[in-house]
Structures are given as C-alpha cells and as structure tokens.
C-alpha cells in the first residue's frame, strides 16, 4: 500500500487539531444557544428594516433557527477538519521507511 505524503507537519497538525476541537465545541454550543433562542444573541440576528415601525416580529424564531443551523454546519466542517488532522498526526508519528 502506498502512503500519501503528509499535508502538514507534526506541529501544524497538532495546532490544527486543537483549533478544530475548540471550533467543534464552541460552534456546537453556540448552535444550541441559538436553538434555545438566547436573548443575549439577539443582536447577532440581522434584520433588514425598511422603516421605523416595520420590525419583523414573526421572523425572529426563524432567524434563530437559521443561525443555529449555520453554526452546526460550521461545527461539522470543523469535525471533518479534526478527523483529517488527526489522521495527519497519526501519519507523522509513524515511520515512513
């Protein structure tokens, strides 16, 4: 079986592994808090308001759900990166020859 060349070295893969693990945890929790409609995250919901009295009250729940989904998608992307750099870290600890 032919071994693929490493994409990053041992230090780079360890750093990316730590950052990816933190990204999965942070974005996963942020998605949970958006799903629970935390009031402190309301300023992060951006609405386009045409005039002063035209606030979209009915769309607040949808906006929270959309942001939660976006956070979970980003956490999944970080999880894929975590698996990739974990494989790279495993590859860097094995002898090539």
C-alpha atoms as a PDB file:
ATOM      1  CA  UNK A   1       0.000   0.000   0.000  1.00  0.00           C
ATOM      2  CA  UNK A   2       1.363   3.400  -0.961  1.00  0.00           C
ATOM      3  CA  UNK A   3       1.434   6.054   1.746  1.00  0.00           C
ATOM      4  CA  UNK A   4       0.271   9.507   0.831  1.00  0.00           C
ATOM      5  CA  UNK A   5       2.527  12.437   1.509  1.00  0.00           C
ATOM      6  CA  UNK A   6       1.745  14.418   4.646  1.00  0.00           C
ATOM      7  CA  UNK A   7      -0.275  17.581   4.195  1.00  0.00           C
ATOM      8  CA  UNK A   8       1.220  19.254   7.269  1.00  0.00           C
ATOM      9  CA  UNK A   9       3.953  18.523   9.758  1.00  0.00           C
ATOM     10  CA  UNK A  10       3.643  17.373  13.360  1.00  0.00           C
ATOM     11  CA  UNK A  11       3.430  20.884  14.838  1.00  0.00           C
ATOM     12  CA  UNK A  12       0.952  22.109  12.238  1.00  0.00           C
ATOM     13  CA  UNK A  13      -1.264  19.059  12.630  1.00  0.00           C
ATOM     14  CA  UNK A  14      -1.234  19.351  16.437  1.00  0.00           C
ATOM     15  CA  UNK A  15      -2.162  23.039  16.243  1.00  0.00           C
ATOM     16  CA  UNK A  16      -4.947  22.384  13.739  1.00  0.00           C
ATOM     17  CA  UNK A  17      -6.224  19.526  15.889  1.00  0.00           C
ATOM     18  CA  UNK A  18      -6.529  21.773  18.949  1.00  0.00           C
ATOM     19  CA  UNK A  19      -8.179  24.567  16.949  1.00  0.00           C
ATOM     20  CA  UNK A  20     -10.594  22.140  15.271  1.00  0.00           C
ATOM     21  CA  UNK A  21     -11.593  20.572  18.588  1.00  0.00           C
ATOM     22  CA  UNK A  22     -12.216  24.027  20.039  1.00  0.00           C
ATOM     23  CA  UNK A  23     -14.226  25.013  16.937  1.00  0.00           C
ATOM     24  CA  UNK A  24     -16.452  21.929  17.237  1.00  0.00           C
ATOM     25  CA  UNK A  25     -17.120  22.609  20.919  1.00  0.00           C
ATOM     26  CA  UNK A  26     -17.650  26.363  20.572  1.00  0.00           C
ATOM     27  CA  UNK A  27     -19.832  26.303  17.465  1.00  0.00           C
ATOM     28  CA  UNK A  28     -21.806  23.331  18.739  1.00  0.00           C
ATOM     29  CA  UNK A  29     -22.641  25.172  21.946  1.00  0.00           C
ATOM     30  CA  UNK A  30     -23.357  28.388  20.071  1.00  0.00           C
ATOM     31  CA  UNK A  31     -25.768  26.478  17.849  1.00  0.00           C
ATOM     32  CA  UNK A  32     -27.505  25.081  20.927  1.00  0.00           C
ATOM     33  CA  UNK A  33     -27.879  28.575  22.391  1.00  0.00           C
ATOM     34  CA  UNK A  34     -29.263  29.905  19.102  1.00  0.00           C
ATOM     35  CA  UNK A  35     -31.675  26.960  19.013  1.00  0.00           C
ATOM     36  CA  UNK A  36     -32.818  27.796  22.557  1.00  0.00           C
ATOM     37  CA  UNK A  37     -33.268  31.439  21.421  1.00  0.00           C
ATOM     38  CA  UNK A  38     -30.931  33.013  23.962  1.00  0.00           C
ATOM     39  CA  UNK A  39     -31.775  36.684  24.367  1.00  0.00           C
ATOM     40  CA  UNK A  40     -28.132  37.756  24.546  1.00  0.00           C
ATOM     41  CA  UNK A  41     -27.607  36.510  20.980  1.00  0.00           C
ATOM     42  CA  UNK A  42     -30.413  38.681  19.583  1.00  0.00           C
ATOM     43  CA  UNK A  43     -28.035  41.423  18.311  1.00  0.00           C
ATOM     44  CA  UNK A  44     -26.409  38.790  16.081  1.00  0.00           C
ATOM     45  CA  UNK A  45     -29.688  38.336  14.188  1.00  0.00           C
ATOM     46  CA  UNK A  46     -29.509  40.859  11.393  1.00  0.00           C
ATOM     47  CA  UNK A  47     -32.800  42.134  10.028  1.00  0.00           C
ATOM     48  CA  UNK A  48     -33.321  44.481   7.127  1.00  0.00           C
ATOM     49  CA  UNK A  49     -35.820  47.096   8.306  1.00  0.00           C
ATOM     50  CA  UNK A  50     -37.285  49.444   5.706  1.00  0.00           C
ATOM     51  CA  UNK A  51     -38.931  51.969   8.039  1.00  0.00           C
ATOM     52  CA  UNK A  52     -39.068  52.633  11.770  1.00  0.00           C
ATOM     53  CA  UNK A  53     -42.302  50.811  12.696  1.00  0.00           C
ATOM     54  CA  UNK A  54     -41.802  47.773  10.462  1.00  0.00           C
ATOM     55  CA  UNK A  55     -39.958  45.249  12.698  1.00  0.00           C
ATOM     56  CA  UNK A  56     -40.424  41.579  11.605  1.00  0.00           C
ATOM     57  CA  UNK A  57     -41.531  40.063  14.939  1.00  0.00           C
ATOM     58  CA  UNK A  58     -42.792  36.861  13.312  1.00  0.00           C
ATOM     59  CA  UNK A  59     -39.412  36.111  11.728  1.00  0.00           C
ATOM     60  CA  UNK A  60     -37.374  36.087  14.953  1.00  0.00           C
ATOM     61  CA  UNK A  61     -37.838  32.349  15.593  1.00  0.00           C
ATOM     62  CA  UNK A  62     -36.929  31.534  12.001  1.00  0.00           C
ATOM     63  CA  UNK A  63     -33.796  33.672  12.246  1.00  0.00           C
ATOM     64  CA  UNK A  64     -32.697  31.902  15.442  1.00  0.00           C
ATOM     65  CA  UNK A  65     -33.235  28.525  13.775  1.00  0.00           C
ATOM     66  CA  UNK A  66     -31.298  29.575  10.688  1.00  0.00           C
ATOM     67  CA  UNK A  67     -28.332  30.770  12.770  1.00  0.00           C
ATOM     68  CA  UNK A  68     -28.394  27.531  14.792  1.00  0.00           C
ATOM     69  CA  UNK A  69     -28.255  25.510  11.578  1.00  0.00           C
ATOM     70  CA  UNK A  70     -25.377  27.616  10.276  1.00  0.00           C
ATOM     71  CA  UNK A  71     -23.423  27.060  13.500  1.00  0.00           C
ATOM     72  CA  UNK A  72     -23.990  23.307  13.361  1.00  0.00           C
ATOM     73  CA  UNK A  73     -22.876  23.151   9.732  1.00  0.00           C
ATOM     74  CA  UNK A  74     -19.692  25.033  10.619  1.00  0.00           C
ATOM     75  CA  UNK A  75     -19.136  22.699  13.596  1.00  0.00           C
ATOM     76  CA  UNK A  76     -19.475  19.744  11.224  1.00  0.00           C
ATOM     77  CA  UNK A  77     -16.890  21.261   8.917  1.00  0.00           C
ATOM     78  CA  UNK A  78     -14.557  21.652  11.877  1.00  0.00           C
ATOM     79  CA  UNK A  79     -15.223  17.994  12.775  1.00  0.00           C
ATOM     80  CA  UNK A  80     -14.172  16.919   9.272  1.00  0.00           C
ATOM     81  CA  UNK A  81     -11.028  19.013   9.659  1.00  0.00           C
ATOM     82  CA  UNK A  82     -10.420  17.391  13.056  1.00  0.00           C
ATOM     83  CA  UNK A  83     -10.587  13.916  11.529  1.00  0.00           C
ATOM     84  CA  UNK A  84      -8.229  14.962   8.724  1.00  0.00           C
ATOM     85  CA  UNK A  85      -5.600  16.459  11.029  1.00  0.00           C
ATOM     86  CA  UNK A  86      -5.950  13.524  13.437  1.00  0.00           C
ATOM     87  CA  UNK A  87      -5.074  11.263  10.505  1.00  0.00           C
ATOM     88  CA  UNK A  88      -2.152  13.552   9.649  1.00  0.00           C
ATOM     89  CA  UNK A  89      -0.931  13.472  13.245  1.00  0.00           C
ATOM     90  CA  UNK A  90      -1.119   9.667  13.208  1.00  0.00           C
ATOM     91  CA  UNK A  91       0.804   9.649   9.914  1.00  0.00           C
ATOM     92  CA  UNK A  92       3.513  11.946  11.322  1.00  0.00           C
ATOM     93  CA  UNK A  93       4.139   9.680  14.321  1.00  0.00           C
ATOM     94  CA  UNK A  94       4.666   6.559  12.181  1.00  0.00           C
ATOM     95  CA  UNK A  95       7.976   5.812  10.493  1.00  0.00           C
ATOM     96  CA  UNK A  96       7.932   6.342   6.735  1.00  0.00           C
ATOM     97  CA  UNK A  97      10.780   3.995   5.839  1.00  0.00           C
END
